[in-house]
Amino acid sequence: MEDSYRKYINKLIEKEEIKVINDIVDKDKDVPKILYSNQNMPFLFTKVKNFENTKIVGNICPSPRHLSFALDVNQSHLTNKVSKVLLNLKRPKIILNRGEWIERDADLFSLPIPKYYKKDGGCYLTSSIVACKFPNSEDENLSVHRIMIIGKDIGVIRILPRNLYKILEKKDGKSDIALIIGAHPAVFLAASLSLDYGVSEYYAANSFFNGKMRFVRMENGIKVPLGAEVILLGEIDLKERKKEGPFTDITGTYDTIREEPVIKFNKMFVPKNEIIFHALLPASNEHKLFMGLPQKIKILNVLKKNGIYVKDLNLTNGGCAYFHVIISIRKTNEEDGRNTIKYVFENAHSIKLVIVVDEDIDPHKIDEVEWALATRFQADKGLIILQNQRGSSLDPSTFKTGKTSKMGIDATLPLNLKKSVFKRAQINE
């Protein structure tokens, strides 16, 4: 497997898996529109208006097929591959003292950072990975964040109360960070996984590369992948806040304006010749893949741990690949359907709708699922409604409270019924 962002892009070019646009494009007007209209196709824009020696790549990994291509695994084995990585984390061992970049003063305006949607608050970094050391540790936490650009060397970062926020609180609100823009999809996926506090996502990234991933220790002591495109060094300050937003997040609606922490950048490390900037279109298939796949892995692992046999699982596109899930199971106990709903809601807080069907129903075929609801489901027996539950602040229907109602639908058949009565009739042949 290629071990850098550039090598992955070259692999896309060699296999004719990317569309190359040689016309001059505007980073705000043309790039978002093209990426939005062609969400399953990687694009490379070779000429960006007002930016010399700069290219933009977008939809770099827009589907499970492309991610499987990046990880050198059959698509049918993608989920198992990620699950095995999580069971076999590898501590980084190849750590270099210098990389292949050239050093500059931080200048965010020199990067072709798009404004993606009309009412966005400004130009946004959306493919940016924050590397920040755990307190009293040599290991880094990795997490993906949106960052609104408000100055040449200043950004405002949206941070949820997860690992990075916890690190900052333990460091009295301030910490050095390294910002990674342009990473191999395996690294980006690892950064999206949100491992337990104290466990570095670099371990997962390194495992994808069979322990051979190469790192560079930057001058602030933070490790970054050797094959990354752009590195920015700076400091986050929880106590210094500026307005951030509106921003179009995974729902395709505008997230609200908030007071969020400021990052001040001091140095930037870029390739010697040209920059290939990764533009990740918000609410796109690529965005949904990297938010949804970790959610899928979490749900599958929880259900397996609790003895539920899952035939297949679909985080639906209409549910933003983040809020709605349809699960087909093989029932071995009468309560498996209801327990599946219970385990999902207890462990995946953003999920607000769970539909459970029998193993003969394909959860990816909505007509089949609806047919199962029509012929196998009774609301007074299989409907579960929970109120005032932890949800996601990205869901506009919670009015940004993060509290939501949840619904579970158990459309599985009781074990003691004669199943032939509920099977689809077969035509004569």
Protein backbone atom coordinates (compact mmCIF):
# COMPACT_ATOMS: atom_id res chain seq x y z
CA MET A 1 0.00 0.00 0.00
CA GLU A 2 1.33 3.47 -0.93
CA ASP A 3 2.37 5.37 2.19
CA SER A 4 1.64 9.00 1.31
CA TYR A 5 -1.07 11.37 0.15
CA ARG A 6 0.79 12.11 -3.10
CA LYS A 7 1.31 8.44 -3.91
CA TYR A 8 -2.40 7.77 -3.40
CA ILE A 9 -3.29 10.61 -5.80
CA ASN A 10 -0.81 9.23 -8.33
CA LYS A 11 -2.42 5.83 -7.94
CA LEU A 12 -5.82 7.37 -8.75
CA ILE A 13 -4.30 8.99 -11.86
CA GLU A 14 -2.59 5.78 -13.01
CA LYS A 15 -5.79 3.74 -12.62
CA GLU A 16 -7.86 6.49 -14.29
CA GLU A 17 -9.94 6.81 -11.13
CA ILE A 18 -9.76 10.61 -11.03
CA LYS A 19 -10.99 13.30 -13.43
CA VAL A 20 -8.34 15.90 -14.20
CA ILE A 21 -9.56 19.45 -14.92
CA ASN A 22 -6.94 21.55 -16.71
CA ASP A 23 -9.09 24.68 -17.13
CA ILE A 24 -8.59 27.56 -14.69
CA VAL A 25 -11.06 27.26 -11.80
CA ASP A 26 -12.16 29.58 -9.03
CA LYS A 27 -11.73 27.98 -5.60
CA ASP A 28 -15.04 29.37 -4.32
CA LYS A 29 -17.31 29.40 -7.39
CA ASP A 30 -16.16 26.44 -9.50
CA VAL A 31 -14.61 23.84 -7.21
CA PRO A 32 -17.54 23.40 -4.76
CA LYS A 33 -20.07 23.32 -7.61
CA ILE A 34 -18.18 20.62 -9.55
CA LEU A 35 -17.55 18.50 -6.46
CA TYR A 36 -21.20 18.82 -5.37
CA SER A 37 -22.51 17.77 -8.80
CA ASN A 38 -20.16 14.76 -9.07
CA GLN A 39 -19.90 13.38 -5.55
CA ASN A 40 -18.75 9.87 -6.47
CA MET A 41 -15.87 11.03 -8.67
CA PRO A 42 -12.44 12.22 -7.46
CA PHE A 43 -11.30 15.45 -9.12
CA LEU A 44 -7.92 17.10 -9.59
CA PHE A 45 -7.94 20.79 -10.51
CA THR A 46 -4.54 21.66 -11.95
CA LYS A 47 -4.98 25.44 -12.33
CA VAL A 48 -6.47 27.52 -9.54
CA LYS A 49 -7.23 31.19 -10.17
CA ASN A 50 -4.90 33.53 -8.24
CA PHE A 51 -2.84 30.64 -6.83
CA GLU A 52 0.41 29.74 -8.56
CA ASN A 53 1.99 26.28 -8.21
CA THR A 54 -1.15 25.10 -6.47
CA LYS A 55 -3.64 22.38 -7.29
CA ILE A 56 -6.82 21.26 -5.56
CA VAL A 57 -8.00 17.68 -5.14
CA GLY A 58 -11.55 16.92 -4.03
CA ASN A 59 -13.81 13.91 -3.49
CA ILE A 60 -10.50 12.12 -2.96
CA CYS A 61 -12.16 9.15 -1.29
CA PRO A 62 -15.92 9.47 -1.88
CA SER A 63 -17.15 5.89 -1.50
CA PRO A 64 -16.42 2.58 0.23
CA ARG A 65 -15.05 1.38 -3.10
CA HIS A 66 -12.48 4.17 -3.16
CA LEU A 67 -11.56 3.67 0.48
CA SER A 68 -11.08 -0.04 -0.16
CA PHE A 69 -8.89 0.91 -3.14
CA ALA A 70 -6.83 3.17 -0.86
CA LEU A 71 -6.43 0.44 1.76
CA ASP A 72 -5.70 -2.32 -0.78
CA VAL A 73 -8.58 -4.46 0.45
CA ASN A 74 -11.61 -6.03 -1.22
CA GLN A 75 -14.64 -3.84 -0.60
CA SER A 76 -16.54 -6.74 0.98
CA HIS A 77 -13.75 -6.96 3.60
CA LEU A 78 -13.50 -3.24 4.35
CA THR A 79 -15.40 -3.30 7.64
CA ASN A 80 -13.51 -6.37 8.84
CA LYS A 81 -10.22 -4.72 7.88
CA VAL A 82 -10.93 -1.68 10.05
CA SER A 83 -12.16 -3.85 12.93
CA LYS A 84 -8.98 -5.93 12.82
CA VAL A 85 -6.85 -2.78 12.85
CA LEU A 86 -8.60 -1.68 16.03
CA LEU A 87 -7.71 -5.00 17.63
CA ASN A 88 -4.07 -4.78 16.54
CA LEU A 89 -2.88 -1.23 17.20
CA LYS A 90 0.81 -0.64 16.46
CA ARG A 91 2.93 1.98 18.21
CA PRO A 92 4.92 4.14 15.75
CA LYS A 93 8.58 3.20 15.58
CA ILE A 94 9.97 4.96 12.50
CA ILE A 95 10.41 8.55 13.69
CA LEU A 96 12.60 10.97 11.73
CA ASN A 97 13.94 14.38 12.74
CA ARG A 98 13.25 16.16 9.48
CA GLY A 99 10.82 15.90 6.61
CA GLU A 100 10.72 16.79 2.92
CA TRP A 101 8.94 20.13 3.33
CA ILE A 102 10.21 23.69 3.14
CA GLU A 103 9.50 26.01 6.07
CA ARG A 104 7.57 29.27 5.74
CA ASP A 105 5.86 31.75 8.01
CA ALA A 106 2.25 30.75 8.47
CA ASP A 107 0.13 32.19 5.66
CA LEU A 108 -3.32 30.69 5.36
CA PHE A 109 -4.14 33.07 2.52
CA SER A 110 -1.52 31.33 0.38
CA LEU A 111 -3.62 28.15 0.48
CA PRO A 112 -6.66 27.79 -1.83
CA ILE A 113 -9.11 27.31 1.03
CA PRO A 114 -12.67 27.40 -0.39
CA LYS A 115 -15.85 28.97 0.82
CA TYR A 116 -18.10 26.02 -0.02
CA TYR A 117 -21.69 27.25 0.46
CA LYS A 118 -23.31 30.66 -0.03
CA LYS A 119 -24.00 31.51 3.61
CA ASP A 120 -20.90 29.92 5.18
CA GLY A 121 -19.20 32.31 7.58
CA GLY A 122 -16.00 32.30 5.55
CA CYS A 123 -13.39 30.07 3.98
CA TYR A 124 -13.06 26.77 5.84
CA LEU A 125 -10.43 24.12 6.37
CA THR A 126 -12.46 20.91 6.30
CA SER A 127 -9.84 18.21 5.76
CA SER A 128 -7.68 19.35 8.67
CA ILE A 129 -6.41 16.87 11.25
CA VAL A 130 -5.33 18.26 14.62
CA ALA A 131 -2.45 16.42 16.32
CA CYS A 132 -2.12 17.30 19.99
CA LYS A 133 -0.10 15.52 22.69
CA PHE A 134 -1.81 13.92 25.63
CA PRO A 135 -0.63 15.44 28.94
CA ASN A 136 2.60 13.86 30.25
CA SER A 137 2.82 11.59 27.20
CA GLU A 138 4.76 11.20 23.96
CA ASP A 139 1.58 10.11 22.17
CA GLU A 140 -0.73 12.34 20.15
CA ASN A 141 -4.48 12.50 19.92
CA LEU A 142 -5.74 12.94 16.35
CA SER A 143 -9.10 14.47 15.50
CA VAL A 144 -10.71 16.07 12.44
CA HIS A 145 -12.09 19.60 12.84
CA ARG A 146 -13.55 22.39 10.75
CA ILE A 147 -11.60 25.64 11.01
CA MET A 148 -12.87 29.01 9.81
CA ILE A 149 -10.12 31.32 8.56
CA ILE A 150 -10.27 34.84 10.03
CA GLY A 151 -6.72 36.03 9.39
CA LYS A 152 -3.42 35.25 7.72
CA ASP A 153 -2.35 33.14 10.69
CA ILE A 154 -5.58 32.80 12.71
CA GLY A 155 -8.42 30.29 12.59
CA VAL A 156 -11.44 29.52 14.74
CA ILE A 157 -11.93 25.82 15.45
CA ARG A 158 -15.13 23.98 16.33
CA ILE A 159 -14.35 21.60 19.22
CA LEU A 160 -16.86 19.22 20.79
CA PRO A 161 -16.39 17.94 24.38
CA ARG A 162 -14.34 14.93 23.35
CA ASN A 163 -10.67 13.99 23.65
CA LEU A 164 -9.10 17.19 22.32
CA TYR A 165 -11.27 19.33 24.60
CA LYS A 166 -10.33 17.12 27.56
CA ILE A 167 -6.63 17.49 26.73
CA LEU A 168 -6.95 21.27 26.57
CA GLU A 169 -8.77 21.40 29.90
CA LYS A 170 -5.98 19.37 31.52
CA LYS A 171 -3.42 21.79 30.04
CA ASP A 172 -5.15 24.87 31.48
CA GLY A 173 -6.78 25.66 28.15
CA LYS A 174 -3.69 25.98 25.93
CA SER A 175 -1.70 23.51 23.87
CA ASP A 176 0.70 23.36 20.97
CA ILE A 177 -0.71 21.52 17.98
CA ALA A 178 0.26 20.41 14.52
CA LEU A 179 -2.37 20.75 11.82
CA ILE A 180 -2.18 18.20 9.00
CA ILE A 181 -3.77 19.05 5.65
CA GLY A 182 -3.56 16.41 2.93
CA ALA A 183 -3.18 12.95 4.45
CA HIS A 184 -3.44 9.45 3.05
CA PRO A 185 -7.06 8.16 3.44
CA ALA A 186 -5.83 5.58 5.99
CA VAL A 187 -4.54 8.40 8.20
CA PHE A 188 -7.70 10.43 7.72
CA LEU A 189 -9.82 7.40 8.62
CA ALA A 190 -7.72 6.73 11.73
CA ALA A 191 -8.17 10.35 12.82
CA SER A 192 -11.95 9.92 12.41
CA LEU A 193 -12.15 6.86 14.67
CA SER A 194 -12.06 8.65 18.07
CA LEU A 195 -10.30 6.01 20.14
CA ASP A 196 -10.41 5.89 23.93
CA TYR A 197 -8.79 8.80 25.74
CA GLY A 198 -5.04 8.22 26.04
CA VAL A 199 -4.84 5.95 22.97
CA SER A 200 -3.31 7.62 19.92
CA GLU A 201 -5.06 7.31 16.57
CA TYR A 202 -1.53 7.11 15.11
CA TYR A 203 -1.49 3.53 16.40
CA ALA A 204 -4.43 2.72 14.12
CA ALA A 205 -2.92 4.60 11.18
CA ASN A 206 0.37 2.73 11.66
CA SER A 207 -1.49 -0.57 11.80
CA PHE A 208 -3.05 0.14 8.38
CA PHE A 209 0.54 0.36 7.10
CA ASN A 210 1.56 -2.82 8.95
CA GLY A 211 3.73 -0.92 11.41
CA LYS A 212 5.87 0.71 8.69
CA MET A 213 4.40 4.21 8.72
CA ARG A 214 7.04 6.96 8.85
CA PHE A 215 6.72 9.99 11.10
CA VAL A 216 8.58 13.27 11.54
CA ARG A 217 8.94 14.92 14.94
CA MET A 218 8.34 18.64 14.45
CA GLU A 219 10.11 21.34 16.44
CA ASN A 220 7.24 21.54 18.95
CA GLY A 221 7.68 17.82 19.67
CA ILE A 222 4.55 16.68 17.86
CA LYS A 223 4.78 13.85 15.33
CA VAL A 224 3.26 14.14 11.84
CA PRO A 225 3.12 11.66 8.94
CA LEU A 226 6.07 11.98 6.56
CA GLY A 227 3.77 11.73 3.53
CA ALA A 228 1.41 14.56 4.54
CA GLU A 229 1.07 17.55 2.21
CA VAL A 230 0.93 20.65 4.44
CA ILE A 231 1.78 21.03 8.13
CA LEU A 232 0.88 24.07 10.23
CA LEU A 233 2.26 24.57 13.74
CA GLY A 234 0.39 26.67 16.26
CA GLU A 235 -1.41 26.92 19.57
CA ILE A 236 -5.05 26.48 20.56
CA ASP A 237 -6.40 28.66 23.34
CA LEU A 238 -9.73 27.61 24.87
CA LYS A 239 -10.02 30.95 26.66
CA GLU A 240 -9.65 33.12 23.57
CA ARG A 241 -12.79 32.79 21.48
CA LYS A 242 -14.21 34.26 18.29
CA LYS A 243 -17.42 33.77 16.36
CA GLU A 244 -17.43 30.64 14.17
CA GLY A 245 -20.06 29.92 11.54
CA PRO A 246 -22.47 29.58 9.92
CA PHE A 247 -21.10 26.35 8.47
CA THR A 248 -22.76 23.70 6.33
CA ASP A 249 -22.20 20.45 8.19
CA ILE A 250 -23.14 16.83 7.45
CA THR A 251 -26.90 17.49 7.43
CA GLY A 252 -26.58 19.91 4.52
CA THR A 253 -28.08 22.64 6.70
CA TYR A 254 -26.29 25.62 8.20
CA ASP A 255 -24.92 25.00 11.67
CA THR A 256 -25.31 27.92 14.05
CA ILE A 257 -22.84 30.68 14.95
CA ARG A 258 -20.95 29.99 18.19
CA GLU A 259 -18.05 31.40 20.17
CA GLU A 260 -15.25 28.89 19.55
CA PRO A 261 -11.52 28.66 20.43
CA VAL A 262 -8.87 30.44 18.42
CA ILE A 263 -5.80 28.82 16.84
CA LYS A 264 -2.79 31.02 16.19
CA PHE A 265 -0.35 29.56 13.67
CA ASN A 266 3.33 30.49 13.55
CA LYS A 267 4.92 28.20 10.96
CA MET A 268 3.90 26.34 7.84
CA PHE A 269 5.66 23.45 6.09
CA VAL A 270 4.82 22.85 2.44
CA PRO A 271 6.17 20.75 -0.48
CA LYS A 272 9.16 22.14 -2.36
CA ASN A 273 7.48 22.52 -5.76
CA GLU A 274 3.68 22.71 -5.71
CA ILE A 275 0.86 22.23 -3.22
CA ILE A 276 -2.00 19.80 -3.83
CA PHE A 277 -4.66 21.05 -1.43
CA HIS A 278 -7.34 18.63 -0.17
CA ALA A 279 -10.78 20.26 -0.36
CA LEU A 280 -13.33 18.11 1.47
CA LEU A 281 -16.82 19.24 0.47
CA PRO A 282 -19.07 19.42 3.57
CA ALA A 283 -22.20 17.21 3.48
CA SER A 284 -20.75 15.29 0.53
CA ASN A 285 -20.48 11.52 0.15
CA GLU A 286 -16.83 11.78 1.20
CA HIS A 287 -17.80 13.63 4.38
CA LYS A 288 -20.51 11.06 5.15
CA LEU A 289 -18.14 8.14 4.55
CA PHE A 290 -15.56 9.32 7.07
CA MET A 291 -18.18 10.22 9.68
CA GLY A 292 -20.36 7.19 9.04
CA LEU A 293 -17.83 4.35 8.82
CA PRO A 294 -16.50 4.79 12.39
CA GLN A 295 -20.13 4.85 13.54
CA LYS A 296 -20.80 1.61 11.67
CA ILE A 297 -17.73 -0.08 13.19
CA LYS A 298 -18.79 0.98 16.69
CA ILE A 299 -22.32 -0.39 16.23
CA LEU A 300 -21.15 -3.70 14.76
CA ASN A 301 -18.63 -4.24 17.56
CA VAL A 302 -21.18 -3.47 20.27
CA LEU A 303 -23.77 -5.82 18.79
CA LYS A 304 -21.22 -8.59 18.32
CA LYS A 305 -20.06 -8.18 21.92
CA ASN A 306 -23.65 -8.60 23.09
CA GLY A 307 -24.34 -11.73 21.06
CA ILE A 308 -26.39 -10.21 18.22
CA TYR A 309 -25.73 -11.81 14.82
CA VAL A 310 -25.76 -9.00 12.24
CA LYS A 311 -26.31 -9.98 8.62
CA ASP A 312 -25.90 -6.43 7.28
CA LEU A 313 -26.16 -2.79 8.32
CA ASN A 314 -27.03 0.39 6.45
CA LEU A 315 -26.39 3.88 7.78
CA THR A 316 -28.78 5.45 5.30
CA ASN A 317 -27.80 8.25 2.98
CA GLY A 318 -31.10 10.02 3.71
CA GLY A 319 -30.19 9.88 7.39
CA CYS A 320 -26.90 11.65 6.56
CA ALA A 321 -25.06 8.33 7.16
CA TYR A 322 -25.07 9.39 10.80
CA PHE A 323 -28.59 9.52 12.27
CA HIS A 324 -30.58 6.58 10.84
CA VAL A 325 -29.55 2.93 10.74
CA ILE A 326 -31.25 -0.18 9.35
CA ILE A 327 -29.94 -3.51 10.66
CA SER A 328 -30.77 -7.00 9.45
CA ILE A 329 -30.19 -9.70 12.06
CA ARG A 330 -30.53 -13.45 12.53
CA LYS A 331 -32.67 -13.86 15.62
CA THR A 332 -31.68 -16.55 18.07
CA ASN A 333 -33.52 -15.10 21.07
CA GLU A 334 -36.96 -13.51 21.16
CA GLU A 335 -35.65 -10.19 22.48
CA ASP A 336 -32.84 -9.80 19.93
CA GLY A 337 -34.73 -7.18 17.93
CA ARG A 338 -35.50 -4.94 20.89
CA ASN A 339 -32.06 -5.50 22.38
CA THR A 340 -30.42 -4.44 19.12
CA ILE A 341 -32.27 -1.12 19.39
CA LYS A 342 -31.27 -0.78 23.05
CA TYR A 343 -27.56 -1.44 22.42
CA VAL A 344 -27.39 0.99 19.50
CA PHE A 345 -29.01 3.84 21.41
CA GLU A 346 -26.79 3.23 24.44
CA ASN A 347 -23.55 3.32 22.47
CA ALA A 348 -24.08 5.53 19.40
CA HIS A 349 -25.59 8.74 20.75
CA SER A 350 -26.14 10.46 17.39
CA ILE A 351 -28.45 7.68 16.12
CA LYS A 352 -32.10 8.71 16.42
CA LEU A 353 -33.82 6.01 14.32
CA VAL A 354 -33.08 2.27 14.38
CA ILE A 355 -35.00 -0.17 12.19
CA VAL A 356 -34.33 -3.87 12.81
CA VAL A 357 -35.38 -6.45 10.19
CA ASP A 358 -34.88 -10.16 9.67
CA GLU A 359 -31.87 -11.52 7.79
CA ASP A 360 -33.86 -12.13 4.58
CA ILE A 361 -34.37 -8.36 4.20
CA ASP A 362 -31.64 -6.30 2.52
CA PRO A 363 -31.23 -3.12 4.61
CA HIS A 364 -29.82 -1.28 1.58
CA LYS A 365 -33.05 -1.79 -0.40
CA ILE A 366 -35.54 0.63 1.09
CA ASP A 367 -38.50 -0.97 -0.72
CA GLU A 368 -37.68 -4.29 0.96
CA VAL A 369 -37.42 -2.59 4.34
CA GLU A 370 -40.74 -0.82 3.85
CA TRP A 371 -42.31 -4.13 2.75
CA ALA A 372 -41.07 -5.71 6.00
CA LEU A 373 -42.65 -2.84 7.95
CA ALA A 374 -45.91 -3.29 6.05
CA THR A 375 -46.12 -7.08 6.53
CA ARG A 376 -44.23 -7.83 9.77
CA PHE A 377 -44.50 -4.81 12.04
CA GLN A 378 -47.19 -3.77 14.52
CA ALA A 379 -46.61 -0.47 16.30
CA ASP A 380 -48.15 -1.56 19.60
CA LYS A 381 -45.63 -4.41 19.84
CA GLY A 382 -42.50 -3.30 18.00
CA LEU A 383 -42.30 0.47 18.43
CA ILE A 384 -39.93 2.00 20.99
CA ILE A 385 -39.87 5.76 21.70
CA LEU A 386 -37.37 7.38 24.04
CA GLN A 387 -37.52 11.02 25.11
CA ASN A 388 -34.92 13.54 26.25
CA GLN A 389 -31.98 11.47 25.03
CA ARG A 390 -28.44 12.52 24.23
CA GLY A 391 -28.27 13.31 20.52
CA SER A 392 -26.10 15.35 18.19
CA SER A 393 -25.73 19.12 18.11
CA LEU A 394 -25.54 18.79 14.32
CA ASP A 395 -29.23 17.82 14.23
CA PRO A 396 -31.13 21.11 13.65
CA SER A 397 -34.36 19.64 15.05
CA THR A 398 -32.79 19.60 18.54
CA PHE A 399 -32.41 23.40 18.29
CA LYS A 400 -28.76 22.92 19.23
CA THR A 401 -29.57 21.51 22.68
CA GLY A 402 -28.13 18.11 21.78
CA LYS A 403 -31.23 16.51 23.35
CA THR A 404 -33.50 14.47 21.13
CA SER A 405 -36.27 11.88 20.99
CA LYS A 406 -35.38 8.51 19.50
CA MET A 407 -37.42 5.85 17.77
CA GLY A 408 -36.72 2.15 17.40
CA ILE A 409 -38.72 -0.14 15.11
CA ASP A 410 -38.49 -3.88 15.66
CA ALA A 411 -39.83 -5.37 12.41
CA THR A 412 -38.48 -8.86 13.09
CA LEU A 413 -40.81 -11.84 13.24
CA PRO A 414 -41.38 -13.76 16.48
CA LEU A 415 -39.38 -16.98 16.59
CA ASN A 416 -42.41 -19.19 17.17
CA LEU A 417 -44.25 -18.13 14.00
CA LYS A 418 -44.46 -20.16 10.83
CA LYS A 419 -42.04 -18.18 8.65
CA SER A 420 -43.46 -19.39 5.32
CA VAL A 421 -46.56 -17.24 5.86
CA PHE A 422 -44.38 -14.12 5.78
CA LYS A 423 -42.13 -15.03 2.81
CA ARG A 424 -42.56 -13.40 -0.57
CA ALA A 425 -44.49 -15.51 -3.04
CA GLN A 426 -42.43 -16.97 -5.89
CA ILE A 427 -43.61 -16.82 -9.50
CA ASN A 428 -43.96 -20.00 -11.56
CA GLU A 429 -40.99 -20.78 -13.78
